[in-house]
Amino acid sequence: MIRAFAMLFAAVTLLAGAGHARAQLFDMRDIMGGSDFFRSGGGSGPISRQTVSFSSQYAPGTIYINTAERRLYLVLGNGQALRYGIGVGRDGFRWSGTHRITAKREWPSWTPPAQMLRRRPDLPRHMVGGVDNPLGARAMYLGSTLYRIHGSNEPETIGQAVSSGCFRMTNEDVTDLYSRVSVGTPVVVRN
């Protein structure tokens, strides 16, 4: 089993080096034949995904983000939630409010907004989706804002205040969350 997994990892790494990484390199459930290997918890980031006690007035299926904790909760009901580690906005870029997921994208492209380009003129004007794209494997767009819950190709930033207001997750965790929610899901953000 370990040898088979090592061979699979080596093959994926070779494909990535050959420029074929866009074929969902980070969606390990696809690579593992569609199994639910990662659904039970764990995660590969610095903050493990886990089911926790969660008492709230929010309906099951609601996403609750606590930026002070740097955690995202998917309310499951029966006093439980699935908790994920996230990266949040750095000082001056944190926000709170209630929105809904208005769009979902796999391997999204990225066009930095004008205000970000003014701060960072070195950024590319557009990037196609893929492993080098800062939005990672999945993105869920929040209302009419410029903000998203998205993956990251920098898993070491999870648990940190580093973004311009978006919520970063490991590619593994964002893929898991993406599979559990739909367009219209309420998202509550609290500082």
Protein backbone atom coordinates (compact mmCIF):
# COMPACT_ATOMS: atom_id res chain seq x y z
CA MET A 1 0.00 0.00 0.00
CA ILE A 2 2.76 2.44 0.96
CA ARG A 3 4.75 1.52 -2.14
CA ALA A 4 1.68 2.04 -4.36
CA PHE A 5 1.05 5.45 -2.80
CA ALA A 6 4.73 6.41 -3.25
CA MET A 7 4.57 5.38 -6.91
CA LEU A 8 1.35 7.39 -7.36
CA PHE A 9 2.95 10.44 -5.73
CA ALA A 10 6.03 10.11 -7.97
CA ALA A 11 3.83 9.87 -11.08
CA VAL A 12 1.83 12.95 -10.10
CA THR A 13 5.04 14.86 -9.37
CA LEU A 14 6.42 13.93 -12.79
CA LEU A 15 3.21 15.03 -14.48
CA ALA A 16 3.31 18.32 -12.59
CA GLY A 17 6.87 18.91 -13.76
CA ALA A 18 5.81 18.19 -17.33
CA GLY A 19 3.18 20.93 -17.21
CA HIS A 20 0.15 18.72 -16.66
CA ALA A 21 -0.49 19.77 -13.07
CA ARG A 22 -3.73 21.53 -13.95
CA ALA A 23 -5.39 18.11 -14.03
CA GLN A 24 -6.43 18.56 -10.40
CA LEU A 25 -3.10 17.74 -8.78
CA PHE A 26 -4.41 18.66 -5.32
CA ASP A 27 -7.72 16.85 -5.50
CA MET A 28 -6.45 13.69 -3.86
CA ARG A 29 -9.94 12.13 -3.86
CA ASP A 30 -9.82 12.05 -7.67
CA ILE A 31 -6.28 10.65 -7.64
CA MET A 32 -7.27 8.02 -5.07
CA GLY A 33 -10.11 6.78 -7.29
CA GLY A 34 -12.88 8.90 -5.78
CA SER A 35 -12.54 7.51 -2.26
CA ASP A 36 -13.54 9.45 0.83
CA PHE A 37 -10.00 9.06 2.20
CA PHE A 38 -9.80 12.67 3.41
CA ARG A 39 -13.41 13.23 4.51
CA SER A 40 -13.10 11.96 8.05
CA GLY A 41 -10.74 14.67 9.21
CA GLY A 42 -7.07 15.27 9.43
CA GLY A 43 -5.98 17.43 6.56
CA SER A 44 -2.41 18.09 5.54
CA GLY A 45 -2.07 21.69 6.69
CA PRO A 46 -0.65 23.11 9.88
CA ILE A 47 -4.15 23.07 11.46
CA SER A 48 -5.98 19.76 11.24
CA ARG A 49 -9.57 19.64 10.04
CA GLN A 50 -11.82 18.10 12.68
CA THR A 51 -15.38 17.70 13.87
CA VAL A 52 -15.94 19.76 17.02
CA SER A 53 -18.73 20.71 19.41
CA PHE A 54 -20.39 23.88 18.13
CA SER A 55 -23.41 25.43 19.75
CA SER A 56 -24.99 28.20 17.69
CA GLN A 57 -28.18 29.60 16.25
CA TYR A 58 -26.96 28.93 12.68
CA ALA A 59 -28.70 26.38 10.47
CA PRO A 60 -26.83 23.28 9.32
CA GLY A 61 -24.89 24.05 6.17
CA THR A 62 -23.97 27.59 7.26
CA ILE A 63 -20.33 28.62 7.09
CA TYR A 64 -19.22 30.58 10.16
CA ILE A 65 -15.81 32.27 10.04
CA ASN A 66 -14.12 33.51 13.20
CA THR A 67 -11.21 35.66 12.02
CA ALA A 68 -9.80 36.12 15.55
CA GLU A 69 -9.53 32.32 15.91
CA ARG A 70 -8.45 31.93 12.26
CA ARG A 71 -10.97 29.12 11.89
CA LEU A 72 -13.84 28.38 9.53
CA TYR A 73 -16.73 26.25 10.77
CA LEU A 74 -19.20 24.37 8.59
CA VAL A 75 -22.26 23.92 10.83
CA LEU A 76 -23.36 20.27 10.80
CA GLY A 77 -26.24 20.50 13.28
CA ASN A 78 -26.77 18.51 16.48
CA GLY A 79 -24.28 20.80 18.24
CA GLN A 80 -21.41 19.98 15.89
CA ALA A 81 -19.39 21.64 13.15
CA LEU A 82 -16.50 20.75 10.90
CA ARG A 83 -13.62 23.09 11.80
CA TYR A 84 -10.92 24.12 9.33
CA GLY A 85 -7.82 26.25 9.80
CA ILE A 86 -7.71 29.35 7.58
CA GLY A 87 -5.50 32.28 6.73
CA VAL A 88 -7.22 35.65 7.19
CA GLY A 89 -6.78 39.29 6.23
CA ARG A 90 -3.78 41.07 7.68
CA ASP A 91 -4.24 44.23 9.78
CA GLY A 92 -6.34 46.75 7.89
CA PHE A 93 -7.87 44.08 5.63
CA ARG A 94 -10.14 42.20 8.02
CA TRP A 95 -13.88 42.56 7.65
CA SER A 96 -17.08 41.09 9.01
CA GLY A 97 -20.59 40.62 7.71
CA THR A 98 -22.98 38.12 6.21
CA HIS A 99 -22.96 37.03 2.57
CA ARG A 100 -23.81 34.00 0.49
CA ILE A 101 -21.68 31.94 -1.83
CA THR A 102 -22.58 33.33 -5.25
CA ALA A 103 -20.22 31.24 -7.42
CA LYS A 104 -17.89 28.27 -7.17
CA ARG A 105 -14.89 27.59 -9.41
CA GLU A 106 -12.44 24.71 -9.77
CA TRP A 107 -8.85 25.80 -10.49
CA PRO A 108 -10.02 29.43 -10.86
CA SER A 109 -8.14 32.03 -12.83
CA TRP A 110 -7.06 35.17 -10.97
CA THR A 111 -7.11 38.81 -11.97
CA PRO A 112 -5.81 41.02 -9.14
CA PRO A 113 -8.17 43.94 -8.42
CA ALA A 114 -7.01 47.46 -9.27
CA GLN A 115 -6.41 48.43 -5.62
CA MET A 116 -4.14 45.39 -5.17
CA LEU A 117 -2.23 46.26 -8.34
CA ARG A 118 -1.67 49.79 -7.00
CA ARG A 119 -0.11 48.29 -3.85
CA ARG A 120 1.77 45.59 -5.75
CA PRO A 121 2.52 46.67 -9.33
CA ASP A 122 4.82 43.64 -9.68
CA LEU A 123 1.83 41.25 -9.72
CA PRO A 124 0.74 39.68 -13.00
CA ARG A 125 -2.35 41.21 -14.58
CA HIS A 126 -3.95 37.78 -14.98
CA MET A 127 -3.11 34.17 -14.12
CA VAL A 128 -4.82 31.08 -15.47
CA GLY A 129 -5.85 28.46 -12.94
CA GLY A 130 -3.33 25.88 -11.81
CA VAL A 131 -0.93 24.94 -9.05
CA ASP A 132 0.98 28.25 -9.26
CA ASN A 133 -2.18 30.34 -9.04
CA PRO A 134 -2.68 31.99 -5.61
CA LEU A 135 -6.38 30.97 -5.54
CA GLY A 136 -5.41 27.32 -5.43
CA ALA A 137 -7.59 24.33 -6.27
CA ARG A 138 -11.05 25.82 -5.54
CA ALA A 139 -12.69 29.18 -4.89
CA MET A 140 -16.07 30.15 -3.47
CA TYR A 141 -17.04 33.76 -4.18
CA LEU A 142 -18.78 35.80 -1.46
CA GLY A 143 -21.68 37.98 -2.54
CA SER A 144 -20.82 40.99 -4.66
CA THR A 145 -17.52 41.47 -2.79
CA LEU A 146 -14.04 40.86 -4.16
CA TYR A 147 -13.52 38.30 -1.39
CA ARG A 148 -13.37 34.54 -1.65
CA ILE A 149 -12.81 31.41 0.35
CA HIS A 150 -10.06 29.81 -1.68
CA GLY A 151 -7.20 27.36 -1.71
CA SER A 152 -3.57 28.29 -1.38
CA ASN A 153 -0.30 27.09 -2.81
CA GLU A 154 1.29 28.35 0.44
CA PRO A 155 -0.06 26.02 3.14
CA GLU A 156 2.36 27.51 5.69
CA THR A 157 0.18 30.68 5.69
CA ILE A 158 -2.80 28.84 7.20
CA GLY A 159 -3.37 30.18 10.70
CA GLN A 160 -1.73 33.49 9.76
CA ALA A 161 -3.05 37.00 8.99
CA VAL A 162 -1.59 37.44 5.52
CA SER A 163 -4.28 38.06 2.91
CA SER A 164 -5.96 41.13 1.47
CA GLY A 165 -9.29 40.04 2.96
CA CYS A 166 -9.86 36.61 1.43
CA PHE A 167 -9.90 33.40 3.47
CA ARG A 168 -7.18 30.90 2.56
CA MET A 169 -7.34 27.17 3.14
CA THR A 170 -5.07 24.32 2.19
CA ASN A 171 -5.97 22.96 -1.23
CA GLU A 172 -7.03 19.71 0.43
CA ASP A 173 -9.35 21.49 2.88
CA VAL A 174 -10.86 23.88 0.33
CA THR A 175 -11.60 20.92 -1.95
CA ASP A 176 -13.33 19.17 0.95
CA LEU A 177 -15.39 22.26 1.86
CA TYR A 178 -16.22 22.93 -1.82
CA SER A 179 -17.72 19.44 -2.11
CA ARG A 180 -19.96 20.04 0.92
CA VAL A 181 -21.50 23.44 0.09
CA SER A 182 -23.43 24.94 -2.79
CA VAL A 183 -24.15 28.31 -4.34
CA GLY A 184 -26.48 30.10 -1.93
CA THR A 185 -24.77 28.82 1.24
CA PRO A 186 -24.80 31.54 3.92
CA VAL A 187 -21.40 32.74 5.13
CA VAL A 188 -21.16 34.62 8.45
CA VAL A 189 -17.86 36.41 9.16
CA ARG A 190 -17.05 37.65 12.69
CA ASN A 191 -13.86 39.27 14.01
